[in-house]
Amino acid sequence: MHDDYTRRLEDTIRKMLEPVRGVSFDLVMQVLLGHKVEPFDLTSTPNGELLDILIKASMTAGLEINRGVERLRPNELGNAIETLVIKALKNEGLESGTPKTRSGKARSAGYPDIYFKYNEKLFYLECKTFTPDSIDSSFRTFYFSPSNDMKVTTDAVHLLLSFETSQKPARSGGFEFTCTRFKLISLEKLELDLKYEFNSNNKRMYSGDYGARVLADQSIPRN
């Protein structure tokens, strides 16, 4: 029995080495979460009206960015932009904020960044940035990790709002960011790749109790 289990486990791990590419976003969400990713139908009059509102809100957020957003590190820009986008959506009369998880927890990390409602219908919105040099890059920039407590809790349209940004040194010692344009994208058929990952933690690595043998552990005197 143990040998059969080991063989099946080995076969499973080998299969994980085979790349999974080009799976559409709507299929992934349907299978993993049981929720449909609805298309943004431009032939629908309400969606046409909503698009005008989203373009206006995106422009408002972009103009706010260009008033000067300073952060110590470039990876801190995202949180600032999310705040500005939520504010711009609210200014257009849309209920907006950070989505809660299935269990009702408020969590800023993880996909998606923002929700908003239009005509009592919920929409999800992810915020990103890109630079003129990175727009054609093949490096991963959109990703999410499935969990039992994700922030996607219903069928909805999934959108992405991304700003083309540039940066320069700021007097504060960090960076000042501005933007030159935005892209608003409907994600239902976005092609995704799956990257498997094995992981561990410090407790396992350093305690000597979880299979990693500590060969040396010595103090280093200070000068």
Protein backbone atom coordinates (compact mmCIF):
# COMPACT_ATOMS: atom_id res chain seq x y z
CA MET A 1 0.00 0.00 0.00
CA HIS A 2 2.80 2.39 0.93
CA ASP A 3 4.66 1.61 -2.30
CA ASP A 4 1.51 2.34 -4.33
CA TYR A 5 1.03 5.65 -2.55
CA THR A 6 4.67 6.59 -3.13
CA ARG A 7 4.40 5.73 -6.82
CA ARG A 8 1.25 7.83 -7.26
CA LEU A 9 2.85 10.72 -5.39
CA GLU A 10 5.94 10.53 -7.61
CA ASP A 11 3.72 10.52 -10.72
CA THR A 12 1.85 13.60 -9.43
CA ILE A 13 5.06 15.53 -8.75
CA ARG A 14 6.41 14.69 -12.21
CA LYS A 15 3.23 16.02 -13.79
CA MET A 16 3.75 19.28 -11.92
CA LEU A 17 6.84 19.85 -14.05
CA GLU A 18 4.68 19.99 -17.16
CA PRO A 19 3.75 23.63 -17.88
CA VAL A 20 0.11 24.67 -17.91
CA ARG A 21 -0.25 27.61 -20.28
CA GLY A 22 -2.93 29.68 -21.93
CA VAL A 23 -5.84 28.85 -19.59
CA SER A 24 -8.48 31.56 -19.73
CA PHE A 25 -9.18 33.55 -16.57
CA ASP A 26 -12.92 32.87 -16.63
CA LEU A 27 -12.33 29.10 -16.70
CA VAL A 28 -9.94 29.25 -13.76
CA MET A 29 -12.37 31.26 -11.64
CA GLN A 30 -15.28 29.00 -12.55
CA VAL A 31 -13.40 25.81 -11.65
CA LEU A 32 -11.62 27.04 -8.51
CA LEU A 33 -14.26 29.31 -7.00
CA GLY A 34 -17.50 28.42 -8.74
CA HIS A 35 -18.05 32.03 -9.84
CA LYS A 36 -18.49 33.26 -13.39
CA VAL A 37 -16.33 36.00 -14.84
CA GLU A 38 -18.85 37.95 -16.85
CA PRO A 39 -17.89 39.81 -20.03
CA PHE A 40 -18.13 43.58 -20.21
CA ASP A 41 -20.73 43.76 -22.95
CA LEU A 42 -20.28 47.06 -24.80
CA THR A 43 -23.59 46.58 -26.63
CA SER A 44 -25.37 46.99 -23.31
CA THR A 45 -26.56 50.55 -22.70
CA PRO A 46 -25.81 50.42 -18.94
CA ASN A 47 -22.28 49.18 -19.65
CA GLY A 48 -21.76 51.93 -22.21
CA GLU A 49 -22.79 54.49 -19.61
CA LEU A 50 -20.58 52.81 -17.01
CA LEU A 51 -17.60 52.89 -19.37
CA ASP A 52 -17.94 56.66 -19.66
CA ILE A 53 -17.98 56.90 -15.85
CA LEU A 54 -14.92 54.65 -15.50
CA ILE A 55 -12.98 56.65 -18.09
CA LYS A 56 -13.80 59.86 -16.22
CA ALA A 57 -12.80 58.34 -12.87
CA SER A 58 -9.57 56.96 -14.34
CA MET A 59 -8.69 60.37 -15.74
CA THR A 60 -9.41 61.97 -12.37
CA ALA A 61 -7.15 59.48 -10.59
CA GLY A 62 -4.42 60.03 -13.19
CA LEU A 63 -4.57 63.80 -12.75
CA GLU A 64 -4.26 63.31 -8.99
CA ILE A 65 -1.18 61.15 -9.53
CA ASN A 66 0.31 63.95 -11.63
CA ARG A 67 -0.09 66.37 -8.75
CA GLY A 68 2.78 64.41 -7.24
CA VAL A 69 2.82 61.04 -5.52
CA GLU A 70 5.98 60.45 -3.50
CA ARG A 71 7.00 57.12 -2.03
CA LEU A 72 10.27 55.78 -0.65
CA ARG A 73 10.14 52.70 -2.89
CA PRO A 74 8.49 52.05 -6.25
CA ASN A 75 6.63 49.01 -4.93
CA GLU A 76 4.73 51.30 -2.55
CA LEU A 77 3.08 53.12 -5.46
CA GLY A 78 0.29 50.57 -5.84
CA ASN A 79 -1.38 51.31 -2.51
CA ALA A 80 -1.37 55.04 -3.24
CA ILE A 81 -2.99 54.51 -6.64
CA GLU A 82 -5.66 52.20 -5.21
CA THR A 83 -6.63 54.91 -2.73
CA LEU A 84 -6.87 57.53 -5.48
CA VAL A 85 -8.94 55.24 -7.73
CA ILE A 86 -11.39 54.42 -4.93
CA LYS A 87 -11.76 58.13 -4.20
CA ALA A 88 -12.34 58.89 -7.90
CA LEU A 89 -14.99 56.16 -8.19
CA LYS A 90 -16.78 57.49 -5.12
CA ASN A 91 -16.69 60.98 -6.60
CA GLU A 92 -18.63 59.58 -9.56
CA GLY A 93 -21.31 58.29 -7.20
CA LEU A 94 -20.19 54.65 -7.16
CA GLU A 95 -19.94 52.64 -3.96
CA SER A 96 -16.33 51.47 -3.86
CA GLY A 97 -13.76 50.02 -1.50
CA THR A 98 -11.58 47.01 -0.73
CA PRO A 99 -13.36 43.67 -1.23
CA LYS A 100 -13.87 41.45 1.80
CA THR A 101 -13.08 37.75 1.79
CA ARG A 102 -15.65 34.97 1.93
CA SER A 103 -15.35 34.94 5.72
CA GLY A 104 -15.95 38.70 5.85
CA LYS A 105 -12.37 39.71 6.60
CA ALA A 106 -11.10 43.06 5.33
CA ARG A 107 -7.80 42.36 3.60
CA SER A 108 -5.87 44.71 1.34
CA ALA A 109 -3.46 42.08 0.02
CA GLY A 110 -4.45 39.68 -2.73
CA TYR A 111 -6.61 39.79 -5.83
CA PRO A 112 -8.66 41.88 -6.52
CA ASP A 113 -7.73 45.32 -5.22
CA ILE A 114 -11.08 47.13 -5.49
CA TYR A 115 -14.79 46.53 -5.83
CA PHE A 116 -17.41 48.98 -6.99
CA LYS A 117 -21.13 48.84 -7.61
CA TYR A 118 -23.14 50.23 -10.50
CA ASN A 119 -26.93 49.80 -10.71
CA GLU A 120 -26.67 47.47 -7.68
CA LYS A 121 -24.30 45.19 -9.64
CA LEU A 122 -20.86 44.38 -8.23
CA PHE A 123 -17.66 44.74 -10.29
CA TYR A 124 -14.06 43.83 -9.41
CA LEU A 125 -11.16 46.09 -10.37
CA GLU A 126 -7.43 45.33 -10.19
CA CYS A 127 -4.93 48.22 -10.30
CA LYS A 128 -1.53 47.98 -11.98
CA THR A 129 1.22 50.19 -13.36
CA PHE A 130 3.57 49.80 -16.30
CA THR A 131 6.35 51.80 -17.92
CA PRO A 132 6.99 52.42 -21.63
CA ASP A 133 9.87 49.94 -21.43
CA SER A 134 7.87 47.21 -19.67
CA ILE A 135 4.62 47.16 -21.64
CA ASP A 136 5.83 44.37 -23.93
CA SER A 137 7.62 42.45 -21.19
CA SER A 138 6.95 38.72 -20.75
CA PHE A 139 7.71 38.81 -17.01
CA ARG A 140 4.83 37.94 -14.68
CA THR A 141 2.89 41.00 -13.58
CA PHE A 142 -0.63 39.64 -13.07
CA TYR A 143 -1.10 36.77 -10.68
CA PHE A 144 -3.24 35.49 -7.85
CA SER A 145 -2.90 32.59 -5.43
CA PRO A 146 -6.02 30.48 -4.90
CA SER A 147 -7.12 30.06 -1.29
CA ASN A 148 -10.17 29.04 0.69
CA ASP A 149 -10.81 32.66 1.67
CA MET A 150 -10.42 34.75 -1.46
CA LYS A 151 -11.92 38.19 -2.07
CA VAL A 152 -13.93 36.97 -5.07
CA THR A 153 -17.30 36.03 -3.62
CA THR A 154 -19.79 36.31 -6.48
CA ASP A 155 -20.23 36.30 -10.26
CA ALA A 156 -18.96 39.61 -11.60
CA VAL A 157 -17.20 41.53 -14.34
CA HIS A 158 -13.45 41.67 -13.67
CA LEU A 159 -11.59 44.75 -14.91
CA LEU A 160 -8.01 45.96 -14.77
CA LEU A 161 -6.98 49.63 -14.65
CA SER A 162 -3.30 50.29 -15.32
CA PHE A 163 -1.39 53.56 -15.45
CA GLU A 164 1.75 54.17 -17.48
CA THR A 165 4.09 55.77 -14.96
CA SER A 166 7.52 57.33 -14.74
CA GLN A 167 9.60 58.33 -11.74
CA LYS A 168 12.26 60.78 -10.70
CA PRO A 169 14.17 61.33 -7.46
CA ALA A 170 12.25 63.31 -4.86
CA ARG A 171 13.62 65.78 -2.36
CA SER A 172 12.35 63.50 0.40
CA GLY A 173 14.89 60.89 -0.64
CA GLY A 174 12.38 58.61 -2.31
CA PHE A 175 10.73 58.91 -5.70
CA GLU A 176 8.09 61.14 -7.27
CA PHE A 177 5.74 59.41 -9.69
CA THR A 178 3.69 60.77 -12.56
CA CYS A 179 1.63 59.07 -15.29
CA THR A 180 1.07 59.65 -18.98
CA ARG A 181 -1.90 57.43 -19.85
CA PHE A 182 -4.12 54.62 -18.58
CA LYS A 183 -5.49 51.37 -19.96
CA LEU A 184 -8.82 49.88 -18.88
CA ILE A 185 -9.09 46.17 -19.67
CA SER A 186 -11.76 43.48 -19.35
CA LEU A 187 -10.16 40.28 -18.06
CA GLU A 188 -12.62 37.49 -18.79
CA LYS A 189 -10.51 35.82 -21.51
CA LEU A 190 -7.05 36.79 -20.24
CA GLU A 191 -4.69 33.84 -20.80
CA LEU A 192 -3.00 32.58 -17.64
CA ASP A 193 -0.07 30.27 -16.98
CA LEU A 194 0.26 28.10 -13.90
CA LYS A 195 3.57 28.02 -12.03
CA TYR A 196 3.89 25.39 -9.33
CA GLU A 197 5.93 26.25 -6.26
CA PHE A 198 7.17 24.26 -3.31
CA ASN A 199 7.83 26.35 -0.22
CA SER A 200 8.92 26.16 3.39
CA ASN A 201 9.50 28.56 6.31
CA ASN A 202 12.15 29.64 8.78
CA LYS A 203 10.92 27.36 11.56
CA ARG A 204 11.41 24.31 9.36
CA MET A 205 14.76 25.45 7.99
CA TYR A 206 16.47 26.58 11.18
CA SER A 207 15.03 24.53 14.05
CA GLY A 208 16.52 21.20 12.99
CA ASP A 209 13.20 19.46 13.72
CA TYR A 210 11.62 19.29 10.25
CA GLY A 211 14.14 17.41 8.12
CA ALA A 212 16.74 20.13 7.53
CA ARG A 213 19.90 19.12 9.47
CA VAL A 214 21.78 21.94 11.12
CA LEU A 215 25.45 21.25 10.40
CA ALA A 216 26.83 24.31 12.20
CA ASP A 217 25.39 27.02 14.40
CA GLN A 218 27.99 29.36 15.91
CA SER A 219 28.03 32.86 17.29
CA ILE A 220 30.26 35.46 15.63
CA PRO A 221 32.04 37.89 17.96
CA ARG A 222 31.53 41.60 17.35
CA ASN A 223 34.58 43.78 16.80
